[in-house]
Protein backbone atom coordinates (compact mmCIF):
# COMPACT_ATOMS: atom_id res chain seq x y z
CA MET A 1 0.00 0.00 0.00
CA THR A 2 1.26 3.47 -0.90
CA ARG A 3 1.87 5.80 2.04
CA ASP A 4 0.44 9.31 1.79
CA ILE A 5 2.73 12.08 3.06
CA LEU A 6 0.58 15.21 2.87
CA SER A 7 -1.98 17.03 0.80
CA THR A 8 -2.83 20.56 -0.26
CA ASP A 9 -6.04 21.77 -1.87
CA ARG A 10 -4.80 20.66 -5.31
CA LEU A 11 -2.05 18.12 -4.68
CA ARG A 12 -1.31 14.92 -2.80
CA LEU A 13 2.27 13.91 -2.06
CA ARG A 14 2.76 10.19 -1.48
CA GLU A 15 5.59 7.71 -1.57
CA ILE A 16 6.75 6.78 -5.06
CA THR A 17 6.18 3.18 -6.14
CA PRO A 18 7.91 1.12 -8.84
CA ALA A 19 4.72 1.48 -10.92
CA ASP A 20 5.43 5.26 -11.12
CA LEU A 21 8.81 4.78 -12.77
CA PRO A 22 7.66 4.65 -16.43
CA PHE A 23 5.93 8.04 -16.07
CA LEU A 24 8.84 9.52 -14.11
CA HIS A 25 11.23 8.27 -16.80
CA ARG A 26 9.17 10.26 -19.30
CA ILE A 27 10.38 13.36 -17.40
CA PHE A 28 13.96 12.18 -16.89
CA GLY A 29 14.24 11.01 -20.49
CA ASP A 30 12.98 14.31 -21.93
CA GLU A 31 15.56 16.86 -23.10
CA GLU A 32 13.38 19.87 -22.30
CA CYS A 33 12.57 18.64 -18.78
CA MET A 34 16.24 17.86 -18.13
CA ARG A 35 17.79 20.94 -19.74
CA TYR A 36 19.49 21.98 -16.46
CA TYR A 37 20.99 18.53 -15.93
CA PRO A 38 24.06 17.14 -17.68
CA GLY A 39 21.79 15.02 -19.87
CA ILE A 40 18.76 12.81 -20.08
CA LYS A 41 18.61 9.51 -18.20
CA THR A 42 18.00 6.01 -19.47
CA PHE A 43 15.26 4.00 -17.78
CA ASP A 44 17.90 2.14 -15.73
CA GLU A 45 19.44 5.46 -14.62
CA THR A 46 15.99 6.78 -13.68
CA GLU A 47 15.30 3.60 -11.70
CA SER A 48 18.66 3.94 -9.90
CA TRP A 49 17.94 7.64 -9.14
CA PHE A 50 14.63 6.79 -7.45
CA ARG A 51 16.05 3.72 -5.72
CA ARG A 52 18.61 5.98 -4.02
CA LEU A 53 16.58 9.19 -3.48
CA ALA A 54 13.17 7.65 -2.80
CA PHE A 55 13.01 3.94 -1.89
CA ASP A 56 16.31 3.69 0.04
CA SER A 57 15.89 7.18 1.48
CA TYR A 58 12.47 6.32 2.95
CA THR A 59 14.12 3.45 4.84
CA ASN A 60 17.35 5.24 5.80
CA HIS A 61 16.08 8.75 6.55
CA GLY A 62 12.28 8.65 6.73
CA PHE A 63 11.96 11.04 3.78
CA GLY A 64 12.91 11.29 0.12
CA LEU A 65 11.37 12.16 -3.22
CA TRP A 66 7.59 11.81 -3.27
CA ALA A 67 5.06 11.44 -6.07
CA VAL A 68 3.13 14.65 -6.82
CA VAL A 69 -0.46 13.69 -7.68
CA ASP A 70 -3.37 15.85 -8.81
CA ARG A 71 -6.05 15.37 -6.15
CA LYS A 72 -8.98 15.77 -8.55
CA SER A 73 -7.85 13.55 -11.39
CA GLY A 74 -5.44 11.26 -9.55
CA ALA A 75 -2.88 11.89 -12.30
CA LEU A 76 0.81 11.68 -11.49
CA LEU A 77 2.40 15.07 -12.27
CA GLY A 78 6.00 14.40 -11.24
CA ASP A 79 8.05 14.22 -8.06
CA CYS A 80 9.05 16.53 -5.23
CA GLY A 81 10.78 15.98 -1.94
CA ILE A 82 13.77 16.24 0.31
CA THR A 83 17.12 14.69 -0.53
CA LEU A 84 20.48 14.90 1.19
CA GLN A 85 23.10 16.49 -1.06
CA GLU A 86 26.86 16.46 -0.49
CA THR A 87 28.19 20.02 -0.02
CA SER A 88 31.40 21.53 1.34
CA ALA A 89 29.66 21.65 4.74
CA GLY A 90 28.73 17.94 4.55
CA LEU A 91 25.31 16.45 3.84
CA GLU A 92 22.67 19.17 3.52
CA PRO A 93 18.91 18.76 2.94
CA GLU A 94 17.62 20.04 -0.37
CA ILE A 95 14.08 20.27 -1.62
CA GLY A 96 13.67 19.63 -5.32
CA TYR A 97 11.05 18.79 -7.88
CA HIS A 98 10.55 17.51 -11.42
CA LEU A 99 7.23 17.92 -13.23
CA TRP A 100 6.14 16.85 -16.68
CA ARG A 101 6.21 19.99 -18.84
CA ASP A 102 2.44 20.01 -19.42
CA HIS A 103 2.16 20.94 -15.74
CA TRP A 104 4.68 23.82 -15.76
CA GLY A 105 3.47 27.35 -15.07
CA LYS A 106 0.49 26.29 -12.91
CA GLY A 107 2.09 26.82 -9.49
CA TYR A 108 2.38 23.09 -8.78
CA ALA A 109 6.15 23.17 -8.20
CA VAL A 110 5.97 26.00 -5.66
CA GLU A 111 2.96 24.42 -3.97
CA ALA A 112 4.62 20.99 -3.72
CA ALA A 113 7.99 22.40 -2.61
CA THR A 114 6.38 24.60 0.04
CA ALA A 115 4.35 21.66 1.33
CA GLY A 116 7.41 19.40 1.17
CA SER A 117 9.49 21.79 3.23
CA CYS A 118 6.72 21.77 5.82
CA ALA A 119 6.86 17.98 5.92
CA ALA A 120 10.54 18.30 6.89
CA ASN A 121 9.59 19.81 10.23
CA PRO A 122 9.91 16.61 12.29
CA TRP A 123 13.55 16.15 11.23
CA PRO A 124 16.53 18.02 12.72
CA CYS A 125 17.38 19.40 9.28
CA ALA A 126 14.16 21.43 9.13
CA HIS A 127 15.57 24.66 10.53
CA ARG A 128 18.59 24.48 8.20
CA LEU A 129 16.30 23.65 5.28
CA ASP A 130 14.06 26.61 6.10
CA ARG A 131 17.04 28.94 6.46
CA GLN A 132 18.29 27.87 3.03
CA ALA A 133 14.82 28.29 1.53
CA ARG A 134 14.52 31.80 2.96
CA GLN A 135 17.98 32.78 1.71
CA HIS A 136 17.69 31.32 -1.78
CA SER A 137 14.00 31.16 -2.59
CA LEU A 138 12.37 34.31 -1.27
CA PRO A 139 10.59 35.11 -4.55
CA ALA A 140 9.20 31.58 -4.90
CA ARG A 141 8.10 31.43 -1.25
CA GLY A 142 6.49 34.85 -1.66
CA ARG A 143 4.55 33.66 -4.71
CA ALA A 144 3.35 30.70 -2.66
CA GLY A 145 2.13 33.05 0.03
CA ALA A 146 4.30 31.38 2.65
CA SER A 147 5.90 33.40 5.38
CA THR A 148 9.53 34.28 4.74
CA ALA A 149 10.19 35.05 8.41
CA GLY A 150 10.78 32.59 11.21
CA ASN A 151 11.10 28.85 11.03
CA ILE A 152 8.88 26.27 9.42
CA PRO A 153 5.61 26.29 11.41
CA GLN A 154 4.82 23.39 13.70
CA ILE A 155 2.03 21.37 12.14
CA SER A 156 0.16 18.58 13.79
CA THR A 157 -0.03 15.27 11.97
CA SER A 158 -3.57 14.88 13.25
CA ARG A 159 -6.15 15.44 10.52
CA ARG A 160 -8.77 16.23 13.15
CA GLN A 161 -6.92 18.72 15.37
CA PRO A 162 -4.15 20.51 13.46
CA ASP A 163 -2.16 22.90 15.67
CA ARG A 164 -1.48 25.17 12.75
CA VAL A 165 -2.05 25.06 9.02
CA LEU A 166 0.47 26.59 6.63
CA PRO A 167 -1.25 28.95 4.20
CA LEU A 168 -0.27 28.49 0.58
CA HIS A 169 -1.59 30.62 -2.27
CA HIS A 170 -5.11 31.62 -3.24
CA GLY A 171 -6.59 30.47 0.06
CA GLN A 172 -5.07 26.99 -0.11
CA ASP A 173 -3.92 25.20 3.03
CA ILE A 174 -1.64 22.26 3.73
CA GLU A 175 -2.49 19.62 6.25
CA LEU A 176 -0.14 16.77 7.10
CA ILE A 177 -1.69 13.33 6.90
CA PRO A 178 -1.00 10.98 9.83
CA LEU A 179 1.65 8.43 8.94
């Protein structure tokens, strides 16, 4: 059974499954989608990418790349999530996303990344992640309607009694789903 991570008004983030890989390879095998990467990936390279940054990461870290799904249609739009990247300071959390190009320009990336950074709150890296997001992504966070001051808000994982709900854009809210 696929584990849901969180939802917004328009999106659901859930764990990626092997059945998602053919669609995700469509993104990773597309030159336009991968224009800021060294090149496109073969199916085997895409599978290896998600094995490391999703499947193994769920087990080793409790987070990773998640499937971004349209809540109305149930369609898979791409992936978004938290990965650990090697930097000069050591391993640092990074939030990233990849969407099929038909879904660009609709605010899905900002919505998913904002929600994904909120999901990082239970982990010690959350404050560092938020600090990096505020330093490097102020325009994107502003477009999402998220606060650019302070740390990531505490959000209850209870669907019935949330302590606080993070406002997104156009009146949308995020609510973490109990794991």
